[in-house]
Amino acid sequence: MILWICASVLFISHPSFGWAQKTGPSQYLAEIKQFRTQKDSVFKYGPDSPIAKDQRSSFEGLNYFPVDYRFRIAGELHRYARLRRIEVPSTNGNTIIMERFGRIYFQWSEKTFWLEAYRSLETAQIEAFFTDDTNGKDTYQIGRYVQLMPIEDGLYTIDFNHAYNPYCIYDNLYVCPLPPPNNHLPFEITAGELNFGTVIAQ
């Protein structure tokens, strides 16, 4: 059996999406809808689509929570003084080498939370693999991923409306890094991509 390492970034580059926290709700919503439409097209017709070949003809698009402006959050990334390459457990029981980059601290409901952030050795993209209280219900049991986008002076946007599933949800030929246990958020992230095949009334 051929295995593919789970891609840590999407096939389509994110536009700005108001990473500087200045985009208004209307423009922000329009950008998200445009990106999701493009992503669906790539997943259905792209030569490198993660959707299993026998499912592409019936694929009608991914499903998401309603866009929630509150989940676009500015956080402070504390970069580790010593960056280390570590073995991150993966979905096939082995490990994937990634760079342990830092911790992103952010506020939610007047409380401070943090997530461990990793940097891909292939793309240099910084992201967090996380779990929350929606996993196994509305979202993928394993967890989801979210990219961190720089603003300025150590501040990054962590936008859970762009939280997405690892590719192993679409095809078990993919091997994906698992969220670390300390990256569990003890509340529901009702934003971003739903479990594959799940639909929530908008």
Protein backbone atom coordinates (compact mmCIF):
# COMPACT_ATOMS: atom_id res chain seq x y z
CA MET A 1 0.00 0.00 0.00
CA ILE A 2 1.30 3.44 -0.96
CA LEU A 3 1.07 6.06 1.78
CA TRP A 4 1.20 9.82 1.35
CA ILE A 5 2.24 12.25 4.03
CA CYS A 6 -0.64 14.56 4.86
CA ALA A 7 -0.23 17.97 3.26
CA SER A 8 0.13 20.66 5.91
CA VAL A 9 -1.15 23.43 3.66
CA LEU A 10 -4.01 23.56 1.22
CA PHE A 11 -3.67 23.40 -2.53
CA ILE A 12 -4.94 26.99 -2.83
CA SER A 13 -3.03 29.78 -1.13
CA HIS A 14 -5.04 31.77 1.35
CA PRO A 15 -5.69 35.37 0.32
CA SER A 16 -5.20 38.00 2.98
CA PHE A 17 -8.52 37.26 4.72
CA GLY A 18 -8.01 40.41 6.79
CA TRP A 19 -5.14 38.91 8.71
CA ALA A 20 -4.36 42.40 9.99
CA GLN A 21 -7.79 42.40 11.70
CA LYS A 22 -9.00 45.29 9.51
CA THR A 23 -11.26 43.54 7.03
CA GLY A 24 -14.95 44.22 7.61
CA PRO A 25 -17.43 41.37 8.10
CA SER A 26 -18.93 41.61 4.61
CA GLN A 27 -15.61 41.46 2.77
CA TYR A 28 -14.35 38.80 5.15
CA LEU A 29 -17.39 36.60 4.47
CA ALA A 30 -17.04 37.08 0.71
CA GLU A 31 -13.36 36.07 0.80
CA ILE A 32 -14.11 32.94 2.79
CA LYS A 33 -16.89 31.90 0.42
CA GLN A 34 -14.63 32.45 -2.59
CA PHE A 35 -11.83 30.40 -1.06
CA ARG A 36 -14.17 27.53 -0.16
CA THR A 37 -15.61 27.45 -3.66
CA GLN A 38 -12.12 27.26 -5.14
CA LYS A 39 -11.14 24.54 -2.69
CA ASP A 40 -14.18 22.45 -3.60
CA SER A 41 -13.24 22.74 -7.27
CA VAL A 42 -9.68 21.60 -6.60
CA PHE A 43 -10.91 18.70 -4.47
CA LYS A 44 -13.32 17.53 -7.16
CA TYR A 45 -11.27 18.09 -10.30
CA GLY A 46 -7.64 18.63 -9.26
CA PRO A 47 -5.08 15.95 -10.17
CA ASP A 48 -3.76 15.92 -6.59
CA SER A 49 -7.12 15.92 -4.84
CA PRO A 50 -7.12 14.15 -1.46
CA ILE A 51 -10.62 12.83 -2.11
CA ALA A 52 -10.52 9.10 -2.87
CA LYS A 53 -10.91 8.56 -6.62
CA ASP A 54 -14.06 6.49 -6.27
CA GLN A 55 -15.75 9.35 -4.35
CA ARG A 56 -14.87 12.32 -6.59
CA SER A 57 -17.79 11.93 -9.00
CA SER A 58 -20.26 12.19 -6.11
CA PHE A 59 -18.34 14.88 -4.21
CA GLU A 60 -20.50 18.01 -3.88
CA GLY A 61 -18.35 20.12 -1.61
CA LEU A 62 -17.14 20.31 1.96
CA ASN A 63 -19.38 21.39 4.84
CA TYR A 64 -18.66 24.02 7.46
CA PHE A 65 -20.02 25.68 10.55
CA PRO A 66 -21.56 29.11 9.83
CA VAL A 67 -18.81 31.73 9.60
CA ASP A 68 -18.39 33.31 13.02
CA TYR A 69 -16.39 36.55 13.13
CA ARG A 70 -15.60 35.98 16.82
CA PHE A 71 -13.36 33.04 15.96
CA ARG A 72 -10.90 35.24 14.06
CA ILE A 73 -8.54 35.90 16.95
CA ALA A 74 -5.26 37.75 17.32
CA GLY A 75 -2.77 35.92 19.50
CA GLU A 76 0.81 36.32 20.65
CA LEU A 77 3.26 33.72 19.40
CA HIS A 78 6.04 32.97 21.85
CA ARG A 79 8.76 31.48 19.70
CA TYR A 80 11.03 28.98 21.40
CA ALA A 81 14.62 30.17 21.84
CA ARG A 82 15.82 26.78 20.68
CA LEU A 83 13.93 25.35 17.72
CA ARG A 84 14.01 21.57 17.72
CA ARG A 85 12.96 18.96 15.23
CA ILE A 86 10.77 16.43 16.95
CA GLU A 87 8.89 13.27 16.09
CA VAL A 88 5.17 14.01 16.01
CA PRO A 89 2.91 10.93 16.36
CA SER A 90 0.94 10.19 13.19
CA THR A 91 -2.25 8.41 12.21
CA ASN A 92 -0.49 5.21 11.11
CA GLY A 93 1.24 4.68 14.45
CA ASN A 94 4.58 6.08 13.30
CA THR A 95 5.92 9.64 13.52
CA ILE A 96 6.47 12.64 11.24
CA ILE A 97 9.41 15.01 11.74
CA MET A 98 8.36 18.62 12.33
CA GLU A 99 9.86 21.69 13.93
CA ARG A 100 8.58 22.62 17.38
CA PHE A 101 8.23 26.36 16.89
CA GLY A 102 6.46 28.02 19.79
CA ARG A 103 3.18 28.62 21.59
CA ILE A 104 0.33 30.85 20.43
CA TYR A 105 -1.51 32.53 23.33
CA PHE A 106 -4.99 33.95 22.82
CA GLN A 107 -8.07 35.07 24.72
CA TRP A 108 -11.49 33.40 24.65
CA SER A 109 -14.35 34.17 27.03
CA GLU A 110 -11.98 36.34 29.07
CA LYS A 111 -9.62 33.42 29.64
CA THR A 112 -6.15 32.77 28.22
CA PHE A 113 -5.47 29.61 26.23
CA TRP A 114 -2.49 28.43 24.25
CA LEU A 115 -1.65 25.95 21.51
CA GLU A 116 1.67 24.38 20.58
CA ALA A 117 2.69 25.52 17.10
CA TYR A 118 4.75 23.55 14.61
CA ARG A 119 6.56 24.60 11.45
CA SER A 120 6.61 22.36 8.41
CA LEU A 121 10.08 21.47 7.15
CA GLU A 122 8.76 21.39 3.58
CA THR A 123 6.71 24.61 3.42
CA ALA A 124 7.81 26.64 6.48
CA GLN A 125 4.11 27.13 7.24
CA ILE A 126 3.37 27.58 10.95
CA GLU A 127 0.24 25.88 12.22
CA ALA A 128 -1.42 24.27 15.21
CA PHE A 129 -3.03 20.85 15.35
CA PHE A 130 -5.82 20.98 17.90
CA THR A 131 -8.78 19.18 19.42
CA ASP A 132 -11.86 20.68 21.06
CA ASP A 133 -15.22 19.64 22.47
CA THR A 134 -16.81 19.22 19.02
CA ASN A 135 -14.56 16.29 18.05
CA GLY A 136 -16.38 13.03 17.46
CA LYS A 137 -19.68 14.91 17.14
CA ASP A 138 -19.71 17.66 14.53
CA THR A 139 -16.01 17.50 13.70
CA TYR A 140 -13.39 14.86 12.94
CA GLN A 141 -12.60 12.72 15.96
CA ILE A 142 -8.85 13.03 15.46
CA GLY A 143 -8.93 16.84 15.46
CA ARG A 144 -8.32 19.67 13.01
CA TYR A 145 -5.53 21.98 11.82
CA VAL A 146 -5.33 25.77 11.65
CA GLN A 147 -2.67 27.97 10.09
CA LEU A 148 -1.11 30.92 11.92
CA MET A 149 -0.68 34.08 9.87
CA PRO A 150 1.68 36.88 11.00
CA ILE A 151 0.37 40.35 11.71
CA GLU A 152 3.22 42.29 13.35
CA ASP A 153 5.56 42.30 16.35
CA GLY A 154 4.99 38.67 17.31
CA LEU A 155 1.23 38.84 16.83
CA TYR A 156 -0.46 36.23 14.66
CA THR A 157 -4.01 35.60 13.54
CA ILE A 158 -5.47 32.24 14.50
CA ASP A 159 -8.71 32.06 12.52
CA PHE A 160 -10.76 29.02 13.39
CA ASN A 161 -13.14 29.73 10.50
CA HIS A 162 -10.27 28.31 8.43
CA ALA A 163 -9.78 25.24 10.62
CA TYR A 164 -9.56 22.28 8.27
CA ASN A 165 -9.42 18.51 8.39
CA PRO A 166 -6.25 16.47 7.86
CA TYR A 167 -6.30 14.62 4.55
CA CYS A 168 -6.56 11.22 6.21
CA ILE A 169 -10.28 11.95 6.71
CA TYR A 170 -10.78 11.73 2.94
CA ASP A 171 -8.51 8.80 2.12
CA ASN A 172 -6.77 6.42 4.54
CA LEU A 173 -3.73 6.34 2.27
CA TYR A 174 -2.70 9.65 3.85
CA VAL A 175 -0.58 9.74 7.00
CA CYS A 176 -1.23 12.82 9.13
CA PRO A 177 0.32 14.25 12.31
CA LEU A 178 -1.88 14.00 15.39
CA PRO A 179 -2.65 16.94 17.69
CA PRO A 180 -0.59 16.73 20.90
CA PRO A 181 -2.61 16.04 24.07
CA ASN A 182 -1.90 19.52 25.47
CA ASN A 183 -3.49 21.11 22.37
CA HIS A 184 -7.00 20.29 23.54
CA LEU A 185 -9.24 23.34 23.93
CA PRO A 186 -11.85 22.67 26.66
CA PHE A 187 -14.71 24.32 24.79
CA GLU A 188 -16.42 24.02 21.42
CA ILE A 189 -14.78 25.56 18.35
CA THR A 190 -17.98 25.91 16.32
CA ALA A 191 -16.15 27.27 13.31
CA GLY A 192 -14.33 25.84 10.32
CA GLU A 193 -14.67 22.52 8.57
CA LEU A 194 -17.14 19.90 9.76
CA ASN A 195 -16.63 16.16 9.80
CA PHE A 196 -16.60 14.85 6.24
CA GLY A 197 -20.23 14.34 5.21
CA THR A 198 -21.72 16.27 8.16
CA VAL A 199 -24.17 19.07 7.42
CA ILE A 200 -25.38 21.73 9.85
CA ALA A 201 -28.34 23.96 8.99
CA GLN A 202 -27.09 27.45 8.21
